[in-house]
Amino acid sequence: MISANEHEFYAAHSAMTDPGRFRTLLDDAPDDERELTRWVRNVQFHEMYAKQADLTPPDDAAGAPATSDPAVRYLEPMLARIVARDGRSLDFERPKDRCFIGTCRDYAVMLCALLRHQGRPSRVRCGFAFYYEPGSKFGADHWVTEVWDPRQVRWRLVDAEVDSNLPQHAMVTIDPLDVPRDQFQVAGTAWRLCRVGKADPGSYGVMGLGGKGEWFMAGNVLRDMAALNKHEVTVFDWWGMASQMCLSGQVTPEQRLVIDELALLIADRGFDFDGLRQAYNDRPEVRLCDPVKGWPKGVETDFMLGLG
């Protein structure tokens, strides 16, 4: 079940999902989730696929990492870029070179915003996917949206990025509107599986980029924790304790105990809304804070978000 507090919290926009002055763009969005995911794909294209197609959006022409599309955290400036490149309704599919060139997190954030705009409880989840390369034993860093299904009385995972028209997704066989929990492991679940010896930390991370293992998994636990508290950070954000683990490439025994506690609160089994809210608010080393260190386009960049 879902408590009244949890329902109200996730049905309302966060600072990062609020469309701001572009609110009317979302007013005519359909309530059918398959159509909603199409709207998201109409205006977004993953930076990995864009690179393969040699596409560069206008804002990235100068190559400045801090102002590149993947560095945009808030929906309002994301929509500003989308409208500036093509002013039509989100119902119209853009040419790929006029799309927002972001990451899996951006697909998840936009779908979450569309759902919240309709008053439907939804949240962004950070974890690891196994379905983009069926049969693979490697959990690839990934983000999806989780929506409350009142008819089935459960939270359901939805991946707005999956596109049957993309050759890169030709082997994806899962239902993107109901992603199986074993095919997308939220960060806390993946961490706990490793801690009890049922999975190998070396089998989780970013394929081919060197980011994998316990320190990377711990970072995703913190990113999922932030997202569940409606600070839907980007895929490359590190702060506080997360920055320490990222820069050292290891997790200290003291840090491991903290991650253990957080993972228990946000894992599929044992999810505790009130507990995760309290832990996030009571632990300054866990809560999103300035400076936020990121690596957009692989370049180390410090961001000041005006946070405590």
Protein backbone atom coordinates (compact mmCIF):
# COMPACT_ATOMS: atom_id res chain seq x y z
CA MET A 1 0.00 0.00 0.00
CA ILE A 2 0.93 3.66 -0.16
CA SER A 3 0.44 6.08 2.72
CA ALA A 4 -1.29 9.42 2.29
CA ASN A 5 2.00 11.21 2.99
CA GLU A 6 3.87 9.16 0.39
CA HIS A 7 1.09 9.67 -2.17
CA GLU A 8 1.04 13.43 -1.66
CA PHE A 9 4.85 13.73 -1.67
CA TYR A 10 5.43 11.91 -4.96
CA ALA A 11 2.38 13.36 -6.74
CA ALA A 12 3.80 16.88 -6.41
CA HIS A 13 6.63 18.34 -8.48
CA SER A 14 10.15 18.70 -7.16
CA ALA A 15 12.31 21.68 -8.10
CA MET A 16 13.86 19.50 -10.78
CA THR A 17 10.62 18.19 -12.36
CA ASP A 18 8.72 21.50 -12.27
CA PRO A 19 8.09 22.69 -15.86
CA GLY A 20 7.86 26.31 -14.70
CA ARG A 21 6.94 28.72 -17.50
CA PHE A 22 6.52 25.76 -19.89
CA ARG A 23 3.73 24.24 -17.83
CA THR A 24 1.21 24.53 -20.67
CA LEU A 25 3.33 22.19 -22.81
CA LEU A 26 2.33 19.39 -20.44
CA ASP A 27 -1.36 20.27 -20.19
CA ASP A 28 -2.41 18.23 -23.23
CA ALA A 29 -0.33 15.16 -22.42
CA PRO A 30 -2.24 11.86 -22.67
CA ASP A 31 -2.85 9.75 -19.59
CA ASP A 32 -1.85 6.57 -21.43
CA GLU A 33 1.66 5.62 -20.31
CA ARG A 34 2.68 4.19 -23.66
CA GLU A 35 1.82 7.53 -25.26
CA LEU A 36 3.57 9.43 -22.48
CA THR A 37 6.80 7.53 -23.10
CA ARG A 38 6.46 8.32 -26.80
CA TRP A 39 6.21 12.02 -25.93
CA VAL A 40 9.47 11.72 -24.00
CA ARG A 41 11.24 10.01 -26.91
CA ASN A 42 9.84 12.59 -29.35
CA VAL A 43 12.08 15.26 -27.83
CA GLN A 44 15.02 13.34 -26.38
CA PHE A 45 17.90 11.32 -27.75
CA HIS A 46 20.56 9.59 -25.67
CA GLU A 47 24.02 11.15 -25.90
CA MET A 48 25.55 7.73 -26.53
CA TYR A 49 23.37 7.18 -29.61
CA ALA A 50 23.93 10.79 -30.71
CA LYS A 51 27.67 10.25 -30.56
CA GLN A 52 27.33 7.11 -32.66
CA ALA A 53 25.34 9.15 -35.21
CA ASP A 54 27.79 12.08 -34.99
CA LEU A 55 25.06 14.48 -33.80
CA THR A 56 25.85 17.58 -31.73
CA PRO A 57 23.07 19.88 -30.45
CA PRO A 58 23.51 23.65 -31.01
CA ASP A 59 24.19 24.40 -27.34
CA ASP A 60 27.10 21.96 -27.36
CA ALA A 61 28.80 23.47 -30.41
CA ALA A 62 31.49 25.09 -28.27
CA GLY A 63 32.04 21.85 -26.38
CA ALA A 64 31.57 23.38 -22.91
CA PRO A 65 30.80 20.45 -20.54
CA ALA A 66 29.14 22.59 -17.85
CA THR A 67 26.53 23.88 -20.32
CA SER A 68 26.02 20.66 -22.29
CA ASP A 69 22.60 18.99 -22.34
CA PRO A 70 23.52 16.21 -19.85
CA ALA A 71 24.55 18.89 -17.32
CA VAL A 72 21.00 20.35 -17.25
CA ARG A 73 19.41 19.25 -13.98
CA TYR A 74 16.06 21.05 -14.08
CA LEU A 75 13.13 20.37 -16.40
CA GLU A 76 12.36 24.03 -17.10
CA PRO A 77 15.71 24.77 -18.83
CA MET A 78 15.50 21.36 -20.49
CA LEU A 79 12.15 22.35 -22.02
CA ALA A 80 13.60 25.75 -22.94
CA ARG A 81 16.22 24.03 -25.09
CA ILE A 82 13.66 21.69 -26.62
CA VAL A 83 11.33 24.57 -27.57
CA ALA A 84 14.19 26.71 -28.89
CA ARG A 85 15.20 23.89 -31.26
CA ASP A 86 11.65 23.04 -32.35
CA GLY A 87 8.64 24.97 -31.08
CA ARG A 88 5.99 22.36 -31.85
CA SER A 89 3.98 20.41 -29.27
CA LEU A 90 5.75 17.56 -27.49
CA ASP A 91 3.35 15.31 -29.39
CA PHE A 92 5.51 15.79 -32.52
CA GLU A 93 8.67 13.77 -33.05
CA ARG A 94 11.71 15.96 -33.63
CA PRO A 95 14.59 15.22 -35.98
CA LYS A 96 17.34 13.77 -33.81
CA ASP A 97 19.60 16.79 -34.29
CA ARG A 98 16.89 18.99 -32.74
CA CYS A 99 16.27 16.77 -29.72
CA PHE A 100 17.56 17.27 -26.20
CA ILE A 101 20.73 15.14 -26.13
CA GLY A 102 20.75 13.80 -22.61
CA THR A 103 21.05 10.60 -20.60
CA CYS A 104 18.77 7.89 -19.26
CA ARG A 105 18.17 10.08 -16.22
CA ASP A 106 16.64 12.79 -18.42
CA TYR A 107 14.14 10.36 -19.95
CA ALA A 108 13.16 9.31 -16.42
CA VAL A 109 12.86 12.89 -15.16
CA MET A 110 10.65 14.01 -18.04
CA LEU A 111 8.31 11.04 -17.71
CA CYS A 112 8.15 11.63 -13.96
CA ALA A 113 7.27 15.29 -14.63
CA LEU A 114 4.49 14.35 -17.06
CA LEU A 115 3.00 11.95 -14.51
CA ARG A 116 3.28 14.39 -11.61
CA HIS A 117 1.68 17.07 -13.77
CA GLN A 118 -1.37 14.78 -13.84
CA GLY A 119 -1.23 14.34 -10.07
CA ARG A 120 0.01 10.75 -10.33
CA PRO A 121 2.58 9.66 -7.71
CA SER A 122 5.85 8.92 -9.47
CA ARG A 123 9.54 9.03 -8.72
CA VAL A 124 12.89 8.67 -10.45
CA ARG A 125 14.95 5.58 -9.59
CA CYS A 126 18.67 4.98 -9.97
CA GLY A 127 20.01 1.45 -10.30
CA PHE A 128 21.27 -1.13 -12.75
CA ALA A 129 19.72 -2.65 -15.88
CA PHE A 130 20.33 -6.09 -17.36
CA TYR A 131 17.88 -6.02 -20.27
CA TYR A 132 19.69 -3.90 -22.85
CA GLU A 133 22.01 -6.83 -23.48
CA PRO A 134 19.91 -9.93 -22.73
CA GLY A 135 21.94 -12.69 -21.14
CA SER A 136 24.56 -10.27 -19.85
CA LYS A 137 25.63 -10.68 -16.25
CA PHE A 138 26.68 -7.03 -16.05
CA GLY A 139 24.32 -4.57 -14.36
CA ALA A 140 24.64 -1.35 -16.36
CA ASP A 141 24.15 1.99 -14.61
CA HIS A 142 20.65 3.16 -15.53
CA TRP A 143 17.67 5.29 -14.46
CA VAL A 144 13.94 4.67 -14.85
CA THR A 145 10.66 6.06 -13.55
CA GLU A 146 8.55 4.37 -10.90
CA VAL A 147 4.81 5.05 -10.98
CA TRP A 148 2.13 4.10 -8.48
CA ASP A 149 -0.46 1.79 -10.05
CA PRO A 150 -3.70 2.11 -8.03
CA ARG A 151 -5.40 -0.74 -9.90
CA GLN A 152 -2.63 -3.23 -9.15
CA VAL A 153 -1.84 -1.55 -5.80
CA ARG A 154 1.91 -1.49 -6.42
CA TRP A 155 4.77 0.63 -7.70
CA ARG A 156 5.66 -0.21 -11.29
CA LEU A 157 8.95 0.49 -13.11
CA VAL A 158 8.68 2.24 -16.51
CA ASP A 159 11.59 2.82 -18.90
CA ALA A 160 10.76 5.67 -21.30
CA GLU A 161 14.06 5.25 -23.14
CA VAL A 162 13.28 1.85 -24.70
CA ASP A 163 12.54 2.43 -28.39
CA SER A 164 11.74 -0.52 -30.64
CA ASN A 165 12.73 1.62 -33.65
CA LEU A 166 16.33 1.97 -32.46
CA PRO A 167 18.73 -0.73 -33.68
CA GLN A 168 20.49 -0.47 -30.29
CA HIS A 169 17.29 -1.74 -28.64
CA ALA A 170 16.55 -4.56 -31.07
CA MET A 171 17.36 -7.20 -28.45
CA VAL A 172 15.28 -5.68 -25.62
CA THR A 173 12.42 -8.05 -24.86
CA ILE A 174 11.06 -6.78 -21.53
CA ASP A 175 7.86 -4.72 -21.30
CA PRO A 176 9.15 -1.15 -20.77
CA LEU A 177 5.88 -0.24 -19.03
CA ASP A 178 6.43 -2.92 -16.39
CA VAL A 179 10.13 -3.65 -16.07
CA PRO A 180 10.78 -6.81 -14.01
CA ARG A 181 12.55 -6.12 -10.73
CA ASP A 182 15.25 -8.68 -11.49
CA GLN A 183 15.98 -6.93 -14.80
CA PHE A 184 16.24 -3.50 -13.19
CA GLN A 185 17.70 -3.64 -9.72
CA VAL A 186 17.30 -0.41 -7.78
CA ALA A 187 20.61 0.60 -6.23
CA GLY A 188 19.71 -0.51 -2.70
CA THR A 189 18.65 -3.97 -3.84
CA ALA A 190 21.83 -4.43 -5.89
CA TRP A 191 23.97 -3.31 -2.94
CA ARG A 192 22.29 -5.73 -0.55
CA LEU A 193 22.68 -8.64 -2.99
CA CYS A 194 26.41 -7.97 -3.08
CA ARG A 195 26.69 -7.60 0.68
CA VAL A 196 25.20 -11.07 1.26
CA GLY A 197 27.39 -12.64 -1.42
CA LYS A 198 24.66 -13.21 -4.03
CA ALA A 199 26.24 -10.83 -6.56
CA ASP A 200 29.68 -9.44 -7.42
CA PRO A 201 30.25 -5.65 -7.09
CA GLY A 202 32.59 -5.88 -10.08
CA SER A 203 29.57 -6.77 -12.21
CA TYR A 204 27.87 -3.40 -11.67
CA GLY A 205 28.80 -0.05 -13.19
CA VAL A 206 29.25 1.78 -16.48
CA MET A 207 30.25 -0.59 -19.26
CA GLY A 208 33.55 0.34 -20.88
CA LEU A 209 34.19 3.53 -18.86
CA GLY A 210 35.99 2.06 -15.86
CA GLY A 211 33.32 3.06 -13.34
CA LYS A 212 32.33 -0.12 -11.58
CA GLY A 213 32.59 -1.89 -8.26
CA GLU A 214 31.65 -1.16 -4.68
CA TRP A 215 32.47 2.57 -4.71
CA PHE A 216 30.32 3.11 -7.82
CA MET A 217 27.44 1.08 -6.39
CA ALA A 218 27.60 3.12 -3.17
CA GLY A 219 27.37 6.29 -5.26
CA ASN A 220 24.21 4.98 -6.92
CA VAL A 221 22.69 4.21 -3.52
CA LEU A 222 23.25 7.87 -2.61
CA ARG A 223 21.88 9.09 -5.96
CA ASP A 224 18.78 6.92 -5.58
CA MET A 225 18.37 8.18 -2.02
CA ALA A 226 18.54 11.77 -3.27
CA ALA A 227 16.05 11.08 -6.09
CA LEU A 228 13.62 9.47 -3.65
CA ASN A 229 13.84 12.68 -1.63
CA LYS A 230 13.04 14.62 -4.83
CA HIS A 231 16.57 15.77 -5.57
CA GLU A 232 16.75 14.03 -8.95
CA VAL A 233 20.49 14.49 -9.55
CA THR A 234 22.29 13.73 -12.80
CA VAL A 235 24.09 10.50 -13.63
CA PHE A 236 27.52 11.99 -12.93
CA ASP A 237 26.81 13.92 -9.70
CA TRP A 238 28.91 13.28 -6.60
CA TRP A 239 28.78 15.27 -3.35
CA GLY A 240 29.65 14.94 0.32
CA MET A 241 30.47 11.35 1.20
CA ALA A 242 29.84 10.33 -2.40
CA SER A 243 32.65 12.62 -3.61
CA GLN A 244 35.05 11.08 -1.11
CA MET A 245 34.31 7.58 -2.38
CA CYS A 246 34.51 8.64 -6.02
CA LEU A 247 37.89 10.37 -5.66
CA SER A 248 39.40 7.54 -3.61
CA GLY A 249 37.80 4.71 -5.58
CA GLN A 250 36.99 2.88 -2.37
CA VAL A 251 34.50 2.66 0.48
CA THR A 252 35.76 2.89 4.07
CA PRO A 253 34.30 0.59 6.75
CA GLU A 254 32.48 3.57 8.27
CA GLN A 255 31.01 4.58 4.92
CA ARG A 256 30.00 0.99 4.22
CA LEU A 257 27.87 0.94 7.37
CA VAL A 258 26.08 4.12 6.27
CA ILE A 259 25.40 2.69 2.81
CA ASP A 260 24.15 -0.53 4.41
CA GLU A 261 21.61 1.45 6.41
CA LEU A 262 20.44 3.50 3.43
CA ALA A 263 20.25 0.48 1.12
CA LEU A 264 17.92 -1.26 3.56
CA LEU A 265 15.56 1.75 3.49
CA ILE A 266 15.35 2.01 -0.30
CA ALA A 267 15.63 -1.61 -1.47
CA ASP A 268 12.58 -3.26 -3.04
CA ARG A 269 12.02 -5.36 0.04
CA GLY A 270 12.04 -3.25 3.17
CA PHE A 271 11.29 0.09 1.45
CA ASP A 272 10.62 2.61 4.20
CA PHE A 273 9.32 6.02 3.07
CA ASP A 274 9.34 7.67 6.49
CA GLY A 275 12.73 6.17 7.27
CA LEU A 276 14.37 7.34 4.07
CA ARG A 277 12.99 10.86 4.55
CA GLN A 278 14.36 11.04 8.09
CA ALA A 279 17.74 9.53 7.21
CA TYR A 280 18.19 11.97 4.32
CA ASN A 281 17.27 15.01 6.39
CA ASP A 282 19.32 13.96 9.44
CA ARG A 283 22.57 13.05 7.62
CA PRO A 284 24.35 16.07 6.10
CA GLU A 285 27.00 13.82 4.53
CA VAL A 286 24.26 12.00 2.61
CA ARG A 287 22.00 14.91 1.66
CA LEU A 288 22.69 16.69 -1.64
CA CYS A 289 24.92 19.71 -0.93
CA ASP A 290 27.36 22.08 -2.58
CA PRO A 291 29.76 21.69 -4.18
CA VAL A 292 28.46 19.00 -6.53
CA LYS A 293 31.30 17.41 -8.47
CA GLY A 294 30.45 16.05 -11.89
CA TRP A 295 32.01 14.74 -15.07
CA PRO A 296 29.80 15.93 -17.96
CA LYS A 297 31.45 14.83 -21.19
CA GLY A 298 34.14 13.26 -19.05
CA VAL A 299 35.47 16.62 -17.80
CA GLU A 300 35.66 17.17 -14.03
CA THR A 301 33.45 20.14 -13.17
CA ASP A 302 32.32 21.66 -9.87
CA PHE A 303 28.71 22.91 -9.73
CA MET A 304 27.18 25.21 -7.12
CA LEU A 305 23.42 24.60 -6.91
CA GLY A 306 22.70 26.96 -4.02
CA LEU A 307 22.15 24.08 -1.59
CA GLY A 308 22.99 23.80 2.09
